[in-house]
Amino acid sequence: MRPTLLNRPRFAETLSRDGTCIGYVTRGRGRPLVVLRDRQPACAAWAAMAGHWLAGRQAVLPDPRGCGWSERPVHAGAYAMPRLVDDLEAVLKATRQAVDLIAWSGAAQLALALARRPVATSVGRWILISGFCCEAPPLLSPVLVLHGDGDAQSSLQSAREFVSRQSHARLEVLPGVGHDPMREAPVRTWRIIEAFLAGAGQSPDATVGTRYSSSHEFQS
């Protein structure tokens, strides 16, 4: 996509609870979609896609502390999970509005840790890909869980158990896909995500269910 004034990246920063400066990038205009990544290079490549694929939205791409535009603290415990949740909380508060949130793999654990904090009420829709925790708290807004049936790093059973404990969750199983749906089946994955986000602002669907996506990969 050729850069325009709307999709050109804009850089911002906010302070976490311990004073660490957290940088983030925004792209586009519209309802914010916070895109979480961890330190794996694949996550950075996937996060960069969001600003191009989701028309009518503002992608918010935080850099984890110690990476990219964020500060690199050296004090003891600086990278413990509570500090990472503090960082995400600061970014959500900086948006000053309701958001949707998408997280893959290890970043999904961060998202679920955030769900225990009051700021989680600002998240309208959750999208969790290939990373789940059965001990997660109940999420009060709609949840989309995406999981490849060939994922060797995160079990499909854990995804099913997570969904069974949620009141407004749906599991989409991607046949023939492994741990990285964004690379292995990008068009199929993003079409499912966009369809789910199109319902943002509607009342949660109380039906918990599992669907199997077509294994045919559409051509973009």
N, C-alpha and C. Protein backbone atom coordinates (compact mmCIF):
# COMPACT_ATOMS: atom_id res chain seq x y z
N MET A 1 0.85 -1.19 0.00
CA MET A 1 0.00 0.00 0.00
C MET A 1 0.88 1.24 0.00
N ARG A 2 0.55 2.20 -0.88
CA ARG A 2 1.31 3.43 -0.94
C ARG A 2 0.96 4.32 0.24
N PRO A 3 1.94 4.87 0.99
CA PRO A 3 1.63 5.69 2.15
C PRO A 3 0.81 6.91 1.77
N THR A 4 -0.17 7.27 2.60
CA THR A 4 -0.94 8.49 2.46
C THR A 4 -0.90 9.19 3.81
N LEU A 5 -1.49 10.38 3.86
CA LEU A 5 -1.50 11.11 5.13
C LEU A 5 -2.25 10.34 6.20
N LEU A 6 -3.21 9.48 5.79
CA LEU A 6 -4.00 8.74 6.77
C LEU A 6 -3.30 7.50 7.29
N ASN A 7 -2.59 6.76 6.40
CA ASN A 7 -1.98 5.52 6.87
C ASN A 7 -0.50 5.66 7.18
N ARG A 8 0.05 6.86 7.02
CA ARG A 8 1.44 7.08 7.37
C ARG A 8 1.60 6.92 8.88
N PRO A 9 2.65 6.24 9.36
CA PRO A 9 2.78 6.01 10.80
C PRO A 9 3.01 7.30 11.58
N ARG A 10 2.41 7.36 12.76
CA ARG A 10 2.60 8.49 13.67
C ARG A 10 3.12 7.93 15.00
N PHE A 11 4.13 8.56 15.54
CA PHE A 11 4.80 8.05 16.73
C PHE A 11 4.34 8.84 17.97
N ALA A 12 4.14 8.09 19.06
CA ALA A 12 3.72 8.71 20.31
C ALA A 12 4.38 7.97 21.46
N GLU A 13 4.27 8.51 22.64
CA GLU A 13 4.83 7.85 23.82
C GLU A 13 4.00 8.19 25.05
N THR A 14 4.10 7.33 26.04
CA THR A 14 3.40 7.54 27.31
C THR A 14 4.27 6.95 28.41
N LEU A 15 3.97 7.29 29.64
CA LEU A 15 4.77 6.80 30.77
C LEU A 15 4.04 5.68 31.48
N SER A 16 4.77 4.60 31.74
CA SER A 16 4.24 3.50 32.52
C SER A 16 4.29 3.85 34.00
N ARG A 17 3.74 2.97 34.82
CA ARG A 17 3.62 3.24 36.25
C ARG A 17 4.97 3.46 36.93
N ASP A 18 6.03 2.75 36.46
CA ASP A 18 7.35 2.91 37.07
C ASP A 18 8.18 4.00 36.40
N GLY A 19 7.57 4.80 35.54
CA GLY A 19 8.26 5.89 34.88
C GLY A 19 8.92 5.53 33.56
N THR A 20 8.85 4.26 33.16
CA THR A 20 9.44 3.85 31.88
C THR A 20 8.64 4.44 30.72
N CYS A 21 9.36 4.99 29.76
CA CYS A 21 8.72 5.57 28.59
C CYS A 21 8.36 4.46 27.59
N ILE A 22 7.10 4.37 27.23
CA ILE A 22 6.62 3.35 26.30
C ILE A 22 6.21 4.02 24.98
N GLY A 23 6.87 3.61 23.91
CA GLY A 23 6.56 4.17 22.60
C GLY A 23 5.54 3.32 21.86
N TYR A 24 4.77 3.97 21.03
CA TYR A 24 3.82 3.23 20.20
C TYR A 24 3.59 4.00 18.90
N VAL A 25 3.14 3.26 17.91
CA VAL A 25 2.88 3.82 16.59
C VAL A 25 1.40 3.69 16.29
N THR A 26 0.83 4.69 15.67
CA THR A 26 -0.56 4.59 15.21
C THR A 26 -0.59 4.75 13.69
N ARG A 27 -1.54 4.05 13.08
CA ARG A 27 -1.77 4.16 11.63
C ARG A 27 -3.26 4.24 11.37
N GLY A 28 -3.66 5.09 10.44
CA GLY A 28 -5.05 5.17 10.04
C GLY A 28 -5.90 6.01 10.97
N ARG A 29 -7.19 5.99 10.72
CA ARG A 29 -8.17 6.74 11.51
C ARG A 29 -9.36 5.84 11.80
N GLY A 30 -10.02 6.10 12.92
CA GLY A 30 -11.20 5.33 13.27
C GLY A 30 -11.08 4.72 14.64
N ARG A 31 -11.91 3.72 14.93
CA ARG A 31 -11.89 3.05 16.22
C ARG A 31 -10.53 2.36 16.40
N PRO A 32 -9.85 2.58 17.54
CA PRO A 32 -8.52 1.99 17.72
C PRO A 32 -8.55 0.47 17.84
N LEU A 33 -7.60 -0.16 17.19
CA LEU A 33 -7.34 -1.59 17.35
C LEU A 33 -5.92 -1.72 17.88
N VAL A 34 -5.79 -2.11 19.14
CA VAL A 34 -4.47 -2.27 19.76
C VAL A 34 -3.92 -3.63 19.35
N VAL A 35 -2.75 -3.62 18.72
CA VAL A 35 -2.13 -4.83 18.18
C VAL A 35 -0.91 -5.17 19.03
N LEU A 36 -1.00 -6.27 19.76
CA LEU A 36 0.08 -6.64 20.68
C LEU A 36 1.05 -7.62 20.03
N ARG A 37 2.30 -7.39 20.26
CA ARG A 37 3.35 -8.30 19.79
C ARG A 37 4.30 -8.55 20.95
N ASP A 38 5.07 -9.65 20.83
CA ASP A 38 6.16 -9.84 21.78
C ASP A 38 7.46 -9.55 21.05
N ARG A 39 8.55 -10.14 21.49
CA ARG A 39 9.84 -9.77 20.93
C ARG A 39 10.24 -10.59 19.71
N GLN A 40 9.39 -11.50 19.25
CA GLN A 40 9.73 -12.29 18.08
C GLN A 40 9.62 -11.43 16.82
N PRO A 41 10.59 -11.54 15.91
CA PRO A 41 10.52 -10.76 14.67
C PRO A 41 9.23 -10.98 13.89
N ALA A 42 8.71 -12.21 13.92
CA ALA A 42 7.48 -12.48 13.19
C ALA A 42 6.33 -11.62 13.69
N CYS A 43 6.32 -11.34 14.99
CA CYS A 43 5.25 -10.51 15.54
C CYS A 43 5.30 -9.11 14.96
N ALA A 44 6.52 -8.56 14.82
CA ALA A 44 6.66 -7.22 14.27
C ALA A 44 6.14 -7.18 12.84
N ALA A 45 6.45 -8.19 12.06
CA ALA A 45 5.98 -8.22 10.67
C ALA A 45 4.46 -8.33 10.62
N TRP A 46 3.88 -9.14 11.52
CA TRP A 46 2.43 -9.29 11.55
C TRP A 46 1.76 -7.99 11.99
N ALA A 47 2.33 -7.33 13.01
CA ALA A 47 1.74 -6.10 13.50
C ALA A 47 1.73 -5.03 12.42
N ALA A 48 2.76 -4.99 11.60
CA ALA A 48 2.83 -3.98 10.55
C ALA A 48 1.72 -4.15 9.53
N MET A 49 1.16 -5.35 9.39
CA MET A 49 0.10 -5.59 8.42
C MET A 49 -1.20 -4.91 8.84
N ALA A 50 -1.40 -4.73 10.13
CA ALA A 50 -2.69 -4.28 10.62
C ALA A 50 -3.07 -2.91 10.08
N GLY A 51 -2.11 -2.01 9.99
CA GLY A 51 -2.41 -0.68 9.53
C GLY A 51 -2.81 -0.63 8.06
N HIS A 52 -2.50 -1.67 7.32
CA HIS A 52 -2.81 -1.70 5.90
C HIS A 52 -4.08 -2.47 5.60
N TRP A 53 -4.40 -3.48 6.41
CA TRP A 53 -5.51 -4.38 6.09
C TRP A 53 -6.84 -3.92 6.65
N LEU A 54 -6.82 -3.13 7.71
CA LEU A 54 -8.06 -2.81 8.41
C LEU A 54 -8.52 -1.40 8.07
N ALA A 55 -9.24 -1.25 6.99
CA ALA A 55 -9.73 0.05 6.56
C ALA A 55 -10.73 0.59 7.58
N GLY A 56 -10.67 1.91 7.80
CA GLY A 56 -11.61 2.54 8.71
C GLY A 56 -11.27 2.38 10.17
N ARG A 57 -10.04 1.93 10.47
CA ARG A 57 -9.62 1.76 11.85
C ARG A 57 -8.27 2.44 12.08
N GLN A 58 -8.00 2.69 13.35
CA GLN A 58 -6.69 3.18 13.73
C GLN A 58 -5.95 2.04 14.42
N ALA A 59 -4.89 1.57 13.81
CA ALA A 59 -4.07 0.53 14.44
C ALA A 59 -3.12 1.19 15.43
N VAL A 60 -3.08 0.66 16.64
CA VAL A 60 -2.19 1.15 17.71
C VAL A 60 -1.19 0.04 18.01
N LEU A 61 0.09 0.29 17.74
CA LEU A 61 1.11 -0.75 17.81
C LEU A 61 2.14 -0.41 18.89
N PRO A 62 1.94 -0.88 20.13
CA PRO A 62 2.90 -0.58 21.19
C PRO A 62 4.19 -1.37 21.01
N ASP A 63 5.31 -0.74 21.34
CA ASP A 63 6.59 -1.44 21.40
C ASP A 63 6.80 -1.92 22.83
N PRO A 64 7.04 -3.21 23.06
CA PRO A 64 7.33 -3.68 24.42
C PRO A 64 8.56 -2.97 24.99
N ARG A 65 8.56 -2.76 26.28
CA ARG A 65 9.73 -2.14 26.90
C ARG A 65 10.99 -2.93 26.52
N GLY A 66 12.04 -2.19 26.20
CA GLY A 66 13.27 -2.82 25.76
C GLY A 66 13.34 -3.04 24.26
N CYS A 67 12.27 -2.66 23.53
CA CYS A 67 12.23 -2.86 22.08
C CYS A 67 11.79 -1.58 21.39
N GLY A 68 12.26 -1.41 20.16
CA GLY A 68 11.79 -0.31 19.32
C GLY A 68 11.90 1.05 19.97
N TRP A 69 10.77 1.77 20.01
CA TRP A 69 10.75 3.14 20.52
C TRP A 69 10.63 3.21 22.04
N SER A 70 10.46 2.08 22.69
CA SER A 70 10.29 2.09 24.14
C SER A 70 11.64 2.08 24.86
N GLU A 71 11.61 2.61 26.07
CA GLU A 71 12.80 2.70 26.90
C GLU A 71 13.27 1.32 27.33
N ARG A 72 14.57 1.19 27.63
CA ARG A 72 15.15 -0.09 28.04
C ARG A 72 15.59 -0.01 29.50
N PRO A 73 14.68 -0.24 30.44
CA PRO A 73 15.05 -0.17 31.86
C PRO A 73 15.98 -1.32 32.24
N VAL A 74 16.81 -1.08 33.24
CA VAL A 74 17.78 -2.10 33.66
C VAL A 74 17.60 -2.52 35.11
N HIS A 75 16.64 -1.94 35.82
CA HIS A 75 16.49 -2.29 37.24
C HIS A 75 15.86 -3.67 37.39
N ALA A 76 16.06 -4.26 38.54
CA ALA A 76 15.58 -5.61 38.81
C ALA A 76 14.05 -5.67 38.69
N GLY A 77 13.59 -6.72 38.03
CA GLY A 77 12.16 -6.92 37.88
C GLY A 77 11.50 -6.04 36.82
N ALA A 78 12.30 -5.35 36.03
CA ALA A 78 11.75 -4.39 35.07
C ALA A 78 10.91 -5.07 33.99
N TYR A 79 11.17 -6.36 33.74
CA TYR A 79 10.47 -7.04 32.65
C TYR A 79 9.51 -8.13 33.16
N ALA A 80 9.16 -8.06 34.44
CA ALA A 80 8.18 -8.99 35.00
C ALA A 80 6.79 -8.69 34.42
N MET A 81 5.93 -9.69 34.40
CA MET A 81 4.61 -9.53 33.80
C MET A 81 3.83 -8.33 34.35
N PRO A 82 3.82 -8.08 35.67
CA PRO A 82 3.07 -6.90 36.15
C PRO A 82 3.54 -5.60 35.52
N ARG A 83 4.86 -5.48 35.26
CA ARG A 83 5.36 -4.25 34.62
C ARG A 83 4.89 -4.16 33.18
N LEU A 84 4.85 -5.29 32.48
CA LEU A 84 4.39 -5.30 31.09
C LEU A 84 2.90 -4.94 31.01
N VAL A 85 2.14 -5.40 32.00
CA VAL A 85 0.73 -5.04 32.05
C VAL A 85 0.57 -3.55 32.34
N ASP A 86 1.43 -3.01 33.22
CA ASP A 86 1.42 -1.56 33.46
C ASP A 86 1.62 -0.79 32.16
N ASP A 87 2.55 -1.28 31.32
CA ASP A 87 2.83 -0.60 30.05
C ASP A 87 1.60 -0.59 29.15
N LEU A 88 0.96 -1.75 29.03
CA LEU A 88 -0.22 -1.84 28.18
C LEU A 88 -1.35 -0.98 28.73
N GLU A 89 -1.50 -0.98 30.04
CA GLU A 89 -2.52 -0.14 30.67
C GLU A 89 -2.29 1.33 30.33
N ALA A 90 -1.03 1.76 30.36
CA ALA A 90 -0.71 3.16 30.05
C ALA A 90 -1.07 3.50 28.61
N VAL A 91 -0.82 2.58 27.69
CA VAL A 91 -1.15 2.83 26.28
C VAL A 91 -2.66 2.93 26.10
N LEU A 92 -3.41 2.01 26.73
CA LEU A 92 -4.86 2.06 26.62
C LEU A 92 -5.42 3.37 27.16
N LYS A 93 -4.88 3.82 28.28
CA LYS A 93 -5.35 5.08 28.86
C LYS A 93 -5.00 6.26 27.95
N ALA A 94 -3.87 6.16 27.26
CA ALA A 94 -3.45 7.25 26.37
C ALA A 94 -4.36 7.39 25.16
N THR A 95 -5.04 6.32 24.77
CA THR A 95 -5.96 6.42 23.64
C THR A 95 -7.20 7.24 23.97
N ARG A 96 -7.57 7.27 25.25
CA ARG A 96 -8.70 8.08 25.73
C ARG A 96 -10.04 7.69 25.10
N GLN A 97 -10.16 6.43 24.69
CA GLN A 97 -11.43 5.98 24.12
C GLN A 97 -11.49 4.46 24.15
N ALA A 98 -12.65 3.92 23.81
CA ALA A 98 -12.80 2.47 23.76
C ALA A 98 -11.97 1.90 22.61
N VAL A 99 -11.45 0.69 22.82
CA VAL A 99 -10.58 0.07 21.82
C VAL A 99 -11.02 -1.38 21.62
N ASP A 100 -10.52 -1.99 20.54
CA ASP A 100 -10.52 -3.43 20.39
C ASP A 100 -9.07 -3.88 20.49
N LEU A 101 -8.86 -5.15 20.78
CA LEU A 101 -7.50 -5.61 21.06
C LEU A 101 -7.25 -6.95 20.39
N ILE A 102 -6.08 -7.09 19.78
CA ILE A 102 -5.69 -8.34 19.14
C ILE A 102 -4.30 -8.74 19.63
N ALA A 103 -4.12 -10.01 19.95
CA ALA A 103 -2.84 -10.48 20.49
C ALA A 103 -2.57 -11.89 20.02
N TRP A 104 -1.30 -12.15 19.73
CA TRP A 104 -0.89 -13.47 19.23
C TRP A 104 0.14 -14.10 20.16
N SER A 105 0.01 -15.39 20.39
CA SER A 105 1.01 -16.20 21.10
C SER A 105 1.28 -15.64 22.49
N GLY A 106 2.54 -15.35 22.81
CA GLY A 106 2.87 -14.86 24.14
C GLY A 106 2.17 -13.57 24.51
N ALA A 107 1.89 -12.73 23.51
CA ALA A 107 1.19 -11.47 23.78
C ALA A 107 -0.24 -11.72 24.24
N ALA A 108 -0.82 -12.87 23.88
CA ALA A 108 -2.17 -13.19 24.35
C ALA A 108 -2.17 -13.36 25.87
N GLN A 109 -1.08 -13.88 26.43
CA GLN A 109 -0.99 -14.00 27.88
C GLN A 109 -0.98 -12.62 28.54
N LEU A 110 -0.31 -11.67 27.89
CA LEU A 110 -0.30 -10.29 28.39
C LEU A 110 -1.71 -9.70 28.35
N ALA A 111 -2.42 -9.94 27.27
CA ALA A 111 -3.78 -9.43 27.16
C ALA A 111 -4.67 -9.99 28.26
N LEU A 112 -4.53 -11.28 28.54
CA LEU A 112 -5.37 -11.89 29.56
C LEU A 112 -4.99 -11.42 30.96
N ALA A 113 -3.72 -11.08 31.15
CA ALA A 113 -3.32 -10.49 32.43
C ALA A 113 -3.94 -9.11 32.60
N LEU A 114 -4.02 -8.36 31.52
CA LEU A 114 -4.65 -7.05 31.57
C LEU A 114 -6.12 -7.17 31.94
N ALA A 115 -6.76 -8.28 31.56
CA ALA A 115 -8.19 -8.45 31.79
C ALA A 115 -8.55 -8.42 33.27
N ARG A 116 -7.58 -8.58 34.15
CA ARG A 116 -7.83 -8.54 35.59
C ARG A 116 -7.86 -7.11 36.13
N ARG A 117 -7.57 -6.14 35.30
CA ARG A 117 -7.51 -4.75 35.76
C ARG A 117 -8.75 -3.97 35.29
N PRO A 118 -9.11 -2.92 36.02
CA PRO A 118 -10.31 -2.15 35.66
C PRO A 118 -10.27 -1.57 34.26
N VAL A 119 -9.07 -1.24 33.76
CA VAL A 119 -8.96 -0.63 32.43
C VAL A 119 -9.45 -1.57 31.34
N ALA A 120 -9.57 -2.88 31.64
CA ALA A 120 -10.04 -3.84 30.64
C ALA A 120 -11.46 -3.56 30.19
N THR A 121 -12.21 -2.79 30.95
CA THR A 121 -13.58 -2.45 30.54
C THR A 121 -13.58 -1.55 29.30
N SER A 122 -12.43 -0.97 28.96
CA SER A 122 -12.37 -0.14 27.76
C SER A 122 -12.17 -0.97 26.49
N VAL A 123 -11.97 -2.28 26.65
CA VAL A 123 -11.78 -3.17 25.49
C VAL A 123 -13.14 -3.69 25.05
N GLY A 124 -13.53 -3.36 23.82
CA GLY A 124 -14.84 -3.77 23.33
C GLY A 124 -14.85 -5.17 22.76
N ARG A 125 -13.75 -5.56 22.09
CA ARG A 125 -13.65 -6.90 21.50
C ARG A 125 -12.22 -7.39 21.66
N TRP A 126 -12.10 -8.68 21.97
CA TRP A 126 -10.81 -9.33 22.16
C TRP A 126 -10.60 -10.35 21.05
N ILE A 127 -9.40 -10.35 20.47
CA ILE A 127 -9.03 -11.37 19.48
C ILE A 127 -7.74 -12.01 19.96
N LEU A 128 -7.80 -13.29 20.25
CA LEU A 128 -6.65 -14.02 20.80
C LEU A 128 -6.28 -15.13 19.83
N ILE A 129 -5.00 -15.16 19.46
CA ILE A 129 -4.53 -16.10 18.44
C ILE A 129 -3.41 -16.95 19.02
N SER A 130 -3.62 -18.25 19.06
CA SER A 130 -2.56 -19.22 19.38
C SER A 130 -1.86 -18.96 20.71
N GLY A 131 -2.63 -18.65 21.74
CA GLY A 131 -2.03 -18.49 23.05
C GLY A 131 -3.09 -18.25 24.09
N PHE A 132 -3.30 -19.20 25.02
CA PHE A 132 -4.43 -19.10 25.92
C PHE A 132 -4.05 -19.56 27.32
N CYS A 133 -4.87 -19.14 28.27
CA CYS A 133 -4.66 -19.51 29.66
C CYS A 133 -6.01 -19.87 30.25
N CYS A 134 -6.16 -21.11 30.67
CA CYS A 134 -7.45 -21.56 31.19
C CYS A 134 -7.80 -20.88 32.51
N GLU A 135 -6.83 -20.26 33.18
CA GLU A 135 -7.09 -19.58 34.43
C GLU A 135 -7.44 -18.12 34.22
N ALA A 136 -7.65 -17.70 32.98
CA ALA A 136 -7.98 -16.31 32.70
C ALA A 136 -9.31 -15.93 33.32
N PRO A 137 -9.46 -14.66 33.69
CA PRO A 137 -10.74 -14.22 34.25
C PRO A 137 -11.81 -14.15 33.18
N PRO A 138 -13.08 -14.10 33.57
CA PRO A 138 -14.15 -13.96 32.57
C PRO A 138 -14.02 -12.63 31.84
N LEU A 139 -14.14 -12.66 30.52
CA LEU A 139 -14.13 -11.45 29.72
C LEU A 139 -15.57 -11.08 29.43
N LEU A 140 -15.95 -9.85 29.73
CA LEU A 140 -17.34 -9.44 29.65
C LEU A 140 -17.76 -9.00 28.26
N SER A 141 -16.79 -8.76 27.38
CA SER A 141 -17.10 -8.36 26.01
C SER A 141 -16.76 -9.50 25.06
N PRO A 142 -17.21 -9.45 23.81
CA PRO A 142 -17.03 -10.58 22.88
C PRO A 142 -15.57 -10.94 22.65
N VAL A 143 -15.33 -12.24 22.50
CA VAL A 143 -13.98 -12.77 22.31
C VAL A 143 -13.97 -13.67 21.07
N LEU A 144 -12.99 -13.45 20.20
CA LEU A 144 -12.73 -14.35 19.09
C LEU A 144 -11.41 -15.06 19.36
N VAL A 145 -11.44 -16.37 19.35
CA VAL A 145 -10.24 -17.19 19.52
C VAL A 145 -9.94 -17.86 18.18
N LEU A 146 -8.75 -17.64 17.67
CA LEU A 146 -8.30 -18.24 16.41
C LEU A 146 -7.20 -19.25 16.72
N HIS A 147 -7.33 -20.45 16.14
CA HIS A 147 -6.33 -21.48 16.44
C HIS A 147 -6.22 -22.43 15.25
N GLY A 148 -4.98 -22.69 14.83
CA GLY A 148 -4.75 -23.67 13.78
C GLY A 148 -4.77 -25.08 14.34
N ASP A 149 -5.37 -26.01 13.61
CA ASP A 149 -5.43 -27.38 14.13
C ASP A 149 -4.09 -28.09 14.02
N GLY A 150 -3.10 -27.45 13.38
CA GLY A 150 -1.76 -28.02 13.30
C GLY A 150 -0.75 -27.31 14.19
N ASP A 151 -1.24 -26.52 15.15
CA ASP A 151 -0.36 -25.76 16.05
C ASP A 151 0.35 -26.71 17.01
N ALA A 152 1.68 -26.77 16.90
CA ALA A 152 2.46 -27.66 17.76
C ALA A 152 2.93 -26.96 19.03
N GLN A 153 2.73 -25.64 19.15
CA GLN A 153 3.20 -24.89 20.32
C GLN A 153 2.10 -24.60 21.33
N SER A 154 0.87 -24.51 20.86
CA SER A 154 -0.25 -24.24 21.74
C SER A 154 -1.38 -25.19 21.36
N SER A 155 -1.86 -25.96 22.30
CA SER A 155 -2.79 -27.02 21.96
C SER A 155 -4.19 -26.50 21.66
N LEU A 156 -4.85 -27.14 20.73
CA LEU A 156 -6.23 -26.80 20.41
C LEU A 156 -7.14 -27.06 21.60
N GLN A 157 -6.82 -28.07 22.38
CA GLN A 157 -7.63 -28.38 23.55
C GLN A 157 -7.60 -27.21 24.55
N SER A 158 -6.45 -26.56 24.71
CA SER A 158 -6.38 -25.42 25.63
C SER A 158 -7.27 -24.28 25.14
N ALA A 159 -7.33 -24.12 23.82
CA ALA A 159 -8.22 -23.09 23.26
C ALA A 159 -9.68 -23.43 23.55
N ARG A 160 -10.03 -24.70 23.38
CA ARG A 160 -11.41 -25.12 23.65
C ARG A 160 -11.77 -24.92 25.12
N GLU A 161 -10.84 -25.25 26.01
CA GLU A 161 -11.11 -25.09 27.43
C GLU A 161 -11.27 -23.62 27.79
N PHE A 162 -10.45 -22.77 27.18
CA PHE A 162 -10.57 -21.33 27.43
C PHE A 162 -11.96 -20.83 27.01
N VAL A 163 -12.36 -21.19 25.81
CA VAL A 163 -13.66 -20.74 25.29
C VAL A 163 -14.81 -21.25 26.15
N SER A 164 -14.69 -22.48 26.64
CA SER A 164 -15.77 -23.06 27.45
C SER A 164 -15.97 -22.31 28.77
N ARG A 165 -14.96 -21.55 29.19
CA ARG A 165 -15.05 -20.81 30.43
C ARG A 165 -15.49 -19.35 30.22
N GLN A 166 -15.74 -18.99 28.99
CA GLN A 166 -16.14 -17.62 28.67
C GLN A 166 -17.61 -17.59 28.23
N SER A 167 -18.28 -16.50 28.53
CA SER A 167 -19.70 -16.39 28.20
C SER A 167 -19.95 -15.86 26.79
N HIS A 168 -18.98 -15.14 26.22
CA HIS A 168 -19.20 -14.47 24.94
C HIS A 168 -18.05 -14.77 23.98
N ALA A 169 -17.61 -16.03 23.92
CA ALA A 169 -16.45 -16.39 23.13
C ALA A 169 -16.81 -17.30 21.98
N ARG A 170 -16.06 -17.18 20.88
CA ARG A 170 -16.21 -18.05 19.72
C ARG A 170 -14.84 -18.55 19.31
N LEU A 171 -14.74 -19.83 19.03
CA LEU A 171 -13.48 -20.43 18.58
C LEU A 171 -13.56 -20.69 17.08
N GLU A 172 -12.61 -20.15 16.34
CA GLU A 172 -12.47 -20.42 14.91
C GLU A 172 -11.24 -21.30 14.72
N VAL A 173 -11.46 -22.52 14.23
CA VAL A 173 -10.36 -23.45 13.98
C VAL A 173 -9.96 -23.37 12.51
N LEU A 174 -8.67 -23.21 12.26
CA LEU A 174 -8.14 -23.09 10.91
C LEU A 174 -7.50 -24.42 10.50
N PRO A 175 -8.14 -25.21 9.67
CA PRO A 175 -7.58 -26.51 9.26
C PRO A 175 -6.27 -26.34 8.49
N GLY A 176 -5.31 -27.20 8.82
CA GLY A 176 -4.04 -27.20 8.12
C GLY A 176 -3.13 -26.04 8.44
N VAL A 177 -3.43 -25.31 9.50
CA VAL A 177 -2.64 -24.12 9.88
C VAL A 177 -1.96 -24.39 11.22
N GLY A 178 -0.73 -23.87 11.38
CA GLY A 178 0.03 -24.07 12.59
C GLY A 178 -0.07 -22.89 13.55
N HIS A 179 1.07 -22.54 14.17
CA HIS A 179 1.09 -21.53 15.22
C HIS A 179 1.01 -20.10 14.70
N ASP A 180 1.27 -19.90 13.43
CA ASP A 180 1.37 -18.55 12.88
C ASP A 180 0.37 -18.35 11.74
N PRO A 181 -0.91 -18.22 12.03
CA PRO A 181 -1.91 -18.07 10.96
C PRO A 181 -1.68 -16.86 10.09
N MET A 182 -1.07 -15.80 10.64
CA MET A 182 -0.88 -14.58 9.86
C MET A 182 0.05 -14.80 8.69
N ARG A 183 0.98 -15.72 8.83
CA ARG A 183 1.89 -16.02 7.73
C ARG A 183 1.39 -17.19 6.89
N GLU A 184 0.79 -18.17 7.54
CA GLU A 184 0.40 -19.39 6.84
C GLU A 184 -0.91 -19.25 6.07
N ALA A 185 -1.83 -18.45 6.58
CA ALA A 185 -3.12 -18.26 5.91
C ALA A 185 -3.58 -16.82 6.12
N PRO A 186 -2.82 -15.85 5.60
CA PRO A 186 -3.08 -14.44 5.94
C PRO A 186 -4.44 -13.93 5.51
N VAL A 187 -4.87 -14.23 4.29
CA VAL A 187 -6.14 -13.69 3.82
C VAL A 187 -7.31 -14.30 4.60
N ARG A 188 -7.28 -15.61 4.77
CA ARG A 188 -8.33 -16.29 5.54
C ARG A 188 -8.40 -15.74 6.96
N THR A 189 -7.24 -15.58 7.59
CA THR A 189 -7.18 -15.10 8.97
C THR A 189 -7.76 -13.70 9.09
N TRP A 190 -7.33 -12.81 8.22
CA TRP A 190 -7.78 -11.43 8.33
C TRP A 190 -9.24 -11.26 7.97
N ARG A 191 -9.78 -12.09 7.07
CA ARG A 191 -11.20 -11.98 6.75
C ARG A 191 -12.05 -12.37 7.96
N ILE A 192 -11.61 -13.38 8.69
CA ILE A 192 -12.33 -13.77 9.91
C ILE A 192 -12.28 -12.64 10.93
N ILE A 193 -11.10 -12.04 11.09
CA ILE A 193 -10.92 -10.95 12.06
C ILE A 193 -11.77 -9.75 11.68
N GLU A 194 -11.73 -9.36 10.43
CA GLU A 194 -12.49 -8.19 9.99
C GLU A 194 -14.00 -8.40 10.16
N ALA A 195 -14.48 -9.61 9.89
CA ALA A 195 -15.90 -9.90 10.07
C ALA A 195 -16.29 -9.79 11.54
N PHE A 196 -15.43 -10.27 12.42
CA PHE A 196 -15.69 -10.17 13.86
C PHE A 196 -15.70 -8.72 14.32
N LEU A 197 -14.72 -7.93 13.86
CA LEU A 197 -14.63 -6.54 14.28
C LEU A 197 -15.77 -5.70 13.71
N ALA A 198 -16.36 -6.12 12.63
CA ALA A 198 -17.45 -5.37 12.04
C ALA A 198 -18.64 -5.28 12.98
N GLY A 199 -18.70 -6.18 13.97
CA GLY A 199 -19.79 -6.14 14.94
C GLY A 199 -19.47 -5.35 16.18
N ALA A 200 -18.32 -4.64 16.20
CA ALA A 200 -17.93 -3.87 17.38
C ALA A 200 -19.02 -2.86 17.74
N GLY A 201 -19.33 -2.81 19.02
CA GLY A 201 -20.36 -1.90 19.50
C GLY A 201 -21.72 -2.56 19.63
N GLN A 202 -21.87 -3.77 19.08
CA GLN A 202 -23.13 -4.48 19.22
C GLN A 202 -23.16 -5.22 20.55
N SER A 203 -24.33 -5.70 20.94
CA SER A 203 -24.45 -6.46 22.19
C SER A 203 -23.72 -7.78 22.06
N PRO A 204 -23.05 -8.23 23.15
CA PRO A 204 -22.34 -9.50 23.10
C PRO A 204 -23.27 -10.66 22.79
N ASP A 205 -22.75 -11.60 22.02
CA ASP A 205 -23.50 -12.82 21.73
C ASP A 205 -23.20 -13.82 22.83
N ALA A 206 -24.21 -14.26 23.54
CA ALA A 206 -23.99 -15.13 24.69
C ALA A 206 -23.72 -16.57 24.30
N THR A 207 -23.74 -16.86 23.00
CA THR A 207 -23.55 -18.24 22.57
C THR A 207 -22.06 -18.57 22.43
N VAL A 208 -21.63 -19.60 23.12
CA VAL A 208 -20.26 -20.07 22.97
C VAL A 208 -20.26 -21.14 21.89
N GLY A 209 -19.35 -21.02 20.92
CA GLY A 209 -19.37 -21.98 19.83
C GLY A 209 -18.02 -22.16 19.19
N THR A 210 -17.94 -23.20 18.35
CA THR A 210 -16.72 -23.50 17.60
C THR A 210 -17.09 -23.61 16.13
N ARG A 211 -16.27 -22.97 15.29
CA ARG A 211 -16.48 -23.07 13.85
C ARG A 211 -15.16 -23.47 13.21
N TYR A 212 -15.27 -24.18 12.11
CA TYR A 212 -14.09 -24.55 11.34
C TYR A 212 -14.07 -23.73 10.06
N SER A 213 -12.99 -22.94 9.91
CA SER A 213 -12.85 -22.15 8.70
C SER A 213 -12.53 -23.04 7.52
N SER A 214 -12.92 -22.62 6.33
CA SER A 214 -12.56 -23.35 5.12
C SER A 214 -11.06 -23.42 4.99
N SER A 215 -10.57 -24.57 4.55
CA SER A 215 -9.12 -24.73 4.38
C SER A 215 -8.62 -24.12 3.09
N HIS A 216 -9.57 -23.63 2.24
CA HIS A 216 -9.17 -23.00 0.98
C HIS A 216 -8.64 -21.62 1.26
N GLU A 217 -7.46 -21.30 0.77
CA GLU A 217 -6.86 -19.99 0.95
C GLU A 217 -7.25 -19.10 -0.21
N PHE A 218 -8.01 -18.04 0.09
CA PHE A 218 -8.42 -17.13 -0.96
C PHE A 218 -7.22 -16.36 -1.49
N GLN A 219 -7.29 -15.96 -2.72
CA GLN A 219 -6.25 -15.14 -3.32
C GLN A 219 -6.57 -13.68 -3.10
N SER A 220 -5.57 -12.91 -2.69
CA SER A 220 -5.80 -11.48 -2.47
C SER A 220 -5.67 -10.73 -3.79
